[in-house]
Protein backbone atom coordinates (compact mmCIF):
# COMPACT_ATOMS: atom_id res chain seq x y z
CA UNK A 1 -93.92 -17.90 2.20
CA UNK A 2 -90.65 -20.14 1.83
CA UNK A 3 -87.04 -19.44 -0.20
CA UNK A 4 -87.52 -21.66 -3.21
CA UNK A 5 -84.02 -20.27 -4.61
CA UNK A 6 -81.68 -17.38 -5.13
CA UNK A 7 -81.07 -15.45 -8.04
CA UNK A 8 -77.76 -16.94 -10.00
CA UNK A 9 -77.30 -14.09 -12.45
CA UNK A 10 -78.76 -11.18 -14.16
CA UNK A 11 -79.23 -9.82 -17.84
CA UNK A 12 -80.40 -7.16 -19.71
CA UNK A 13 -80.07 -6.30 -23.66
CA UNK A 14 -80.36 -3.25 -24.33
CA UNK A 15 -80.80 -3.82 -28.06
CA UNK A 16 -83.72 -6.69 -29.03
CA UNK A 17 -81.95 -9.80 -30.37
CA UNK A 18 -78.40 -8.11 -30.37
CA UNK A 19 -75.74 -9.54 -27.35
CA UNK A 20 -76.51 -9.06 -23.67
CA UNK A 21 -74.62 -7.79 -20.80
CA UNK A 22 -74.66 -9.54 -17.34
CA UNK A 23 -75.23 -7.37 -14.29
CA UNK A 24 -74.19 -6.69 -11.12
CA UNK A 25 -77.43 -5.58 -9.71
CA UNK A 26 -80.47 -4.86 -12.15
CA UNK A 27 -84.00 -2.16 -11.05
CA UNK A 28 -86.94 -4.03 -11.91
CA UNK A 29 -89.54 -1.67 -12.54
CA UNK A 30 -93.15 -2.14 -13.85
CA UNK A 31 -91.88 -1.80 -17.10
CA UNK A 32 -89.08 -4.05 -17.19
CA UNK A 33 -85.53 -4.39 -16.06
CA UNK A 34 -84.19 -0.86 -16.39
CA UNK A 35 -82.29 -0.47 -19.80
CA UNK A 36 -83.40 -3.47 -21.20
CA UNK A 37 -84.65 -3.87 -25.29
CA UNK A 38 -84.76 -0.34 -24.86
CA UNK A 39 -83.73 -0.14 -28.64
CA UNK A 40 -85.55 -2.42 -31.61
CA UNK A 41 -85.07 -2.64 -35.20
CA UNK A 42 -88.41 -2.75 -36.82
CA UNK A 43 -88.76 -4.33 -40.32
CA UNK A 44 -91.44 -3.47 -42.66
CA UNK A 45 -91.95 -6.95 -44.15
CA UNK A 46 -92.33 -8.05 -40.80
CA UNK A 47 -95.86 -8.95 -39.48
CA UNK A 48 -97.84 -6.20 -38.07
CA UNK A 49 -98.13 -7.67 -34.41
CA UNK A 50 -94.52 -8.18 -34.27
CA UNK A 51 -92.78 -5.70 -36.35
CA UNK A 52 -89.32 -6.23 -35.58
CA UNK A 53 -86.18 -7.64 -37.09
CA UNK A 54 -84.61 -10.30 -34.75
CA UNK A 55 -81.81 -12.97 -34.72
CA UNK A 56 -84.63 -15.19 -35.64
CA UNK A 57 -83.87 -13.50 -39.49
CA UNK A 58 -80.76 -12.34 -39.12
CA UNK A 59 -78.62 -14.52 -36.94
CA UNK A 60 -75.61 -12.47 -36.92
CA UNK A 61 -77.34 -9.80 -35.04
CA UNK A 62 -76.02 -11.94 -31.90
CA UNK A 63 -72.85 -10.92 -32.94
CA UNK A 64 -73.35 -7.49 -32.02
CA UNK A 65 -72.38 -6.45 -28.78
CA UNK A 66 -74.28 -3.47 -27.57
CA UNK A 67 -73.27 -0.86 -24.51
CA UNK A 68 -74.23 2.41 -23.05
CA UNK A 69 -72.19 4.81 -23.59
CA UNK A 70 -73.03 6.36 -19.89
CA UNK A 71 -73.36 3.30 -17.93
CA UNK A 72 -73.45 5.47 -14.77
CA UNK A 73 -77.07 6.41 -16.33
CA UNK A 74 -77.74 3.14 -16.96
CA UNK A 75 -77.90 1.46 -13.96
CA UNK A 76 -80.96 2.86 -12.36
CA UNK A 77 -83.38 5.77 -12.71
CA UNK A 78 -81.92 9.03 -11.27
CA UNK A 79 -84.32 9.80 -8.54
CA UNK A 80 -85.01 6.38 -7.59
CA UNK A 81 -83.40 6.57 -3.94
CA UNK A 82 -85.89 9.90 -3.43
CA UNK A 83 -88.96 8.60 -4.60
CA UNK A 84 -87.97 5.11 -2.33
CA UNK A 85 -88.30 7.42 0.29
CA UNK A 86 -91.35 8.94 0.06
CA UNK A 87 -94.89 7.59 1.10
CA UNK A 88 -94.98 3.86 0.24
CA UNK A 89 -92.42 4.65 -2.86
CA UNK A 90 -93.29 6.62 -5.49
CA UNK A 91 -92.65 5.51 -8.91
CA UNK A 92 -89.15 6.96 -10.23
CA UNK A 93 -88.85 8.92 -13.48
CA UNK A 94 -86.86 7.50 -16.80
CA UNK A 95 -83.28 9.30 -18.06
CA UNK A 96 -83.47 11.65 -21.02
CA UNK A 97 -82.41 9.66 -24.44
CA UNK A 98 -79.49 11.35 -24.38
CA UNK A 99 -78.47 9.58 -21.16
CA UNK A 100 -79.80 5.98 -22.20
CA UNK A 101 -77.86 5.98 -25.89
CA UNK A 102 -76.27 2.78 -26.80
CA UNK A 103 -73.31 1.92 -29.29
CA UNK A 104 -73.16 -1.09 -30.87
CA UNK A 105 -69.72 -2.90 -31.64
CA UNK A 106 -70.56 -5.08 -34.89
CA UNK A 107 -68.68 -8.16 -35.79
CA UNK A 108 -66.10 -6.87 -37.43
CA UNK A 109 -65.36 -4.41 -34.55
CA UNK A 110 -66.35 -1.32 -35.87
CA UNK A 111 -68.32 0.28 -32.59
CA UNK A 112 -71.46 2.36 -34.08
CA UNK A 113 -74.17 4.52 -32.38
CA UNK A 114 -77.53 2.49 -32.18
CA UNK A 115 -78.91 5.41 -34.14
CA UNK A 116 -75.92 5.42 -36.95
CA UNK A 117 -77.33 4.89 -40.03
CA UNK A 118 -74.09 2.88 -41.38
CA UNK A 119 -75.96 0.24 -38.49
CA UNK A 120 -79.40 0.25 -40.42
CA UNK A 121 -77.22 -0.26 -43.60
CA UNK A 122 -75.47 -3.35 -42.32
CA UNK A 123 -78.84 -4.78 -40.97
CA UNK A 124 -80.17 -4.02 -43.78
CA UNK A 125 -77.45 -6.18 -45.77
CA UNK A 126 -79.36 -9.39 -47.56
CA UNK A 127 -82.48 -8.77 -45.81
CA UNK A 128 -84.73 -8.50 -48.89
CA UNK A 129 -84.88 -5.55 -49.55
CA UNK A 130 -87.30 -4.09 -46.55
CA UNK A 131 -86.86 -1.35 -44.98
CA UNK A 132 -85.42 -1.07 -41.33
CA UNK A 133 -85.72 1.38 -38.77
CA UNK A 134 -84.71 1.79 -35.27
CA UNK A 135 -87.27 1.82 -32.65
CA UNK A 136 -87.00 3.43 -28.87
CA UNK A 137 -89.56 2.43 -26.04
CA UNK A 138 -88.90 3.38 -22.13
CA UNK A 139 -91.09 -0.35 -22.24
CA UNK A 140 -89.33 -3.17 -22.28
CA UNK A 141 -89.59 -4.20 -25.80
CA UNK A 142 -90.30 -7.84 -24.98
CA UNK A 143 -91.82 -10.27 -26.79
CA UNK A 144 -94.75 -11.15 -23.94
CA UNK A 145 -93.89 -10.00 -20.46
CA UNK A 146 -91.48 -7.31 -18.94
CA UNK A 147 -89.34 -10.36 -17.27
CA UNK A 148 -88.46 -13.65 -17.39
CA UNK A 149 -86.59 -16.23 -15.52
CA UNK A 150 -84.84 -19.55 -16.34
CA UNK A 151 -83.59 -21.94 -14.09
CA UNK A 152 -80.07 -23.37 -14.43
CA UNK A 153 -81.77 -26.81 -13.79
CA UNK A 154 -83.77 -26.42 -16.58
CA UNK A 155 -80.87 -25.22 -18.57
CA UNK A 156 -79.10 -28.69 -16.85
CA UNK A 157 -82.24 -30.78 -18.33
CA UNK A 158 -82.32 -29.95 -21.83
CA UNK A 159 -78.70 -30.57 -21.75
CA UNK A 160 -79.42 -34.18 -20.56
CA UNK A 161 -81.98 -34.11 -23.34
CA UNK A 162 -79.52 -32.98 -26.09
CA UNK A 163 -76.55 -34.87 -24.98
CA UNK A 164 -74.36 -31.30 -24.59
CA UNK A 165 -75.31 -28.38 -22.08
CA UNK A 166 -76.49 -25.53 -23.47
CA UNK A 167 -74.49 -22.09 -23.29
CA UNK A 168 -77.41 -20.66 -20.79
CA UNK A 169 -77.41 -17.27 -22.69
CA UNK A 170 -79.24 -19.02 -25.64
CA UNK A 171 -82.50 -18.59 -23.53
CA UNK A 172 -81.92 -14.83 -22.92
CA UNK A 173 -83.53 -14.59 -20.06
CA UNK A 174 -83.24 -11.63 -17.29
CA UNK A 175 -83.17 -14.14 -14.21
CA UNK A 176 -81.52 -16.86 -13.98
CA UNK A 177 -82.34 -18.21 -10.99
CA UNK A 178 -80.75 -21.82 -9.08
CA UNK A 179 -83.64 -23.63 -7.52
CA UNK A 180 -81.25 -25.81 -5.52
CA UNK A 181 -82.01 -29.60 -5.29
CA UNK A 182 -85.48 -28.89 -7.43
CA UNK A 183 -85.38 -31.01 -10.84
CA UNK A 184 -85.10 -28.76 -14.61
CA UNK A 185 -88.51 -26.71 -15.30
CA UNK A 186 -89.42 -26.66 -11.20
CA UNK A 187 -89.74 -22.97 -12.30
CA UNK A 188 -93.26 -24.02 -14.49
CA UNK A 189 -94.50 -24.58 -10.92
CA UNK A 190 -95.04 -20.58 -10.24
CA UNK A 191 -97.16 -19.87 -12.63
CA UNK A 192 -100.53 -18.08 -11.41
CA UNK A 193 -97.90 -17.58 -7.82
CA UNK A 194 -96.28 -14.76 -6.70
CA UNK A 195 -92.23 -14.14 -6.07
CA UNK A 196 -90.52 -11.72 -4.17
CA UNK A 197 -86.91 -11.52 -5.80
CA UNK A 198 -84.36 -9.93 -3.25
CA UNK A 199 -85.87 -7.30 -0.50
CA UNK A 200 -88.54 -5.60 -2.33
CA UNK A 201 -89.16 -6.74 -6.18
CA UNK A 202 -92.44 -8.67 -6.69
CA UNK A 203 -93.21 -10.52 -9.75
CA UNK A 204 -96.65 -12.55 -10.48
CA UNK A 205 -95.85 -15.69 -12.60
CA UNK A 206 -98.02 -14.85 -15.93
CA UNK A 207 -97.25 -18.06 -17.94
CA UNK A 208 -94.38 -20.27 -19.83
CA UNK A 209 -92.32 -18.57 -22.32
CA UNK A 210 -93.19 -19.89 -25.76
CA UNK A 211 -89.87 -20.86 -27.47
CA UNK A 212 -88.76 -20.19 -31.06
CA UNK A 213 -85.87 -20.53 -33.40
CA UNK A 214 -83.66 -18.15 -31.03
CA UNK A 215 -82.72 -20.62 -28.66
CA UNK A 216 -80.89 -22.41 -31.44
CA UNK A 217 -78.66 -20.01 -32.16
CA UNK A 218 -75.10 -19.68 -30.12
CA UNK A 219 -74.62 -16.53 -28.60
CA UNK A 220 -70.31 -16.51 -29.52
CA UNK A 221 -71.11 -18.16 -33.29
CA UNK A 222 -74.76 -17.53 -34.52
CA UNK A 223 -74.42 -20.85 -35.16
CA UNK A 224 -77.82 -23.12 -35.19
CA UNK A 225 -78.37 -26.40 -33.47
CA UNK A 226 -81.91 -26.97 -34.05
CA UNK A 227 -82.13 -30.18 -31.87
CA UNK A 228 -82.29 -27.74 -28.95
CA UNK A 229 -85.57 -26.39 -29.96
CA UNK A 230 -86.89 -30.10 -31.21
CA UNK A 231 -86.44 -31.23 -27.73
CA UNK A 232 -88.07 -28.33 -26.15
CA UNK A 233 -91.03 -28.90 -28.28
CA UNK A 234 -91.06 -33.21 -27.66
CA UNK A 235 -90.57 -33.10 -23.91
CA UNK A 236 -92.05 -29.77 -22.91
CA UNK A 237 -94.99 -28.21 -25.38
CA UNK A 238 -91.94 -26.01 -26.55
CA UNK A 239 -92.26 -23.75 -23.54
CA UNK A 240 -89.15 -23.34 -21.26
CA UNK A 241 -88.65 -20.45 -18.57
CA UNK A 242 -91.70 -18.11 -17.48
CA UNK A 243 -92.79 -14.80 -17.89
CA UNK A 244 -94.01 -12.68 -15.38
CA UNK A 245 -95.16 -9.05 -14.04
CA UNK A 246 -94.11 -6.55 -11.95
CA UNK A 247 -95.92 -5.84 -9.37
CA UNK A 248 -93.49 -3.91 -6.87
CA UNK A 249 -90.59 -2.32 -8.26
CA UNK A 250 -87.38 -2.91 -6.60
CA UNK A 251 -83.38 -3.33 -6.96
CA UNK A 252 -82.01 -7.25 -7.48
CA UNK A 253 -78.77 -8.78 -6.78
CA UNK A 254 -76.79 -12.11 -7.89
CA UNK A 255 -77.31 -14.08 -4.45
CA UNK A 256 -80.96 -12.88 -3.81
CA UNK A 257 -83.23 -14.79 -2.25
CA UNK A 258 -86.47 -16.27 -4.11
CA UNK A 259 -89.27 -16.10 -1.87
CA UNK A 260 -92.46 -17.92 -3.14
CA UNK A 261 -95.68 -15.71 -1.40
CA UNK A 262 -97.99 -17.71 -3.00
CA UNK A 263 -98.24 -21.88 -2.21
CA UNK A 264 -97.34 -23.43 -5.13
CA UNK A 265 -99.94 -26.40 -5.53
CA UNK A 266 -98.64 -29.99 -5.07
CA UNK A 267 -95.82 -28.89 -3.29
CA UNK A 268 -93.64 -30.03 -6.48
CA UNK A 269 -90.51 -27.75 -5.28
CA UNK A 270 -88.09 -28.52 -3.04
CA UNK A 271 -86.45 -25.36 -0.92
CA UNK A 272 -83.38 -24.31 -2.00
């Protein structure tokens, strides 16, 4: 086992395709980061395999900022300490939906409950007549896997390729990692390996993250810069960042070590 990096920052996105929030600590469970993508908006005109309304269609969604109404309940499962203290560590329960309700600040400054019909009406405006409906799941409504990781070195590498370093928030990762002196896209070598993040959480890295129009959108303005996606497509096969499945649940904090449990072929990484 070797330390390959540190957690640079932690993020979750209470509503799919809306603004994210930086966390001082995050409980990473089998379903993903606690409170991540808890809500989404369904779109009746979308494909059945991906039935969501997202920033791909409505870039303004990125300018909506969700916040948990009861942040004290949104930090971690209510029985986490008791569950971890028993036996090998039991799976904690999730709170009631009422404890995890989200309010959304719209671009105009209005604050609406996530289930307010006025928010649905706002999202429907100009959407071409499709039916927009709120979706909720304790399992994070992520595109592919529960947890995403992206290195700050990869952000810098993409910046070099487009001539201006992009805001890391474009990539909407849960864990941003500092891999020390490793080059950009070094996290690609983790695929097929297992990482321990912090004292307990273990993540099996199962694949690269295929990127889409979302990374072209500025998180503060929703203005698109297509060159970012073109650079990722040209130089990296359209992939940037990695996806993981959670093997062992645990709490993670910025600065925590990222430990490679399984070896990487070729020894391409430089230890942080």
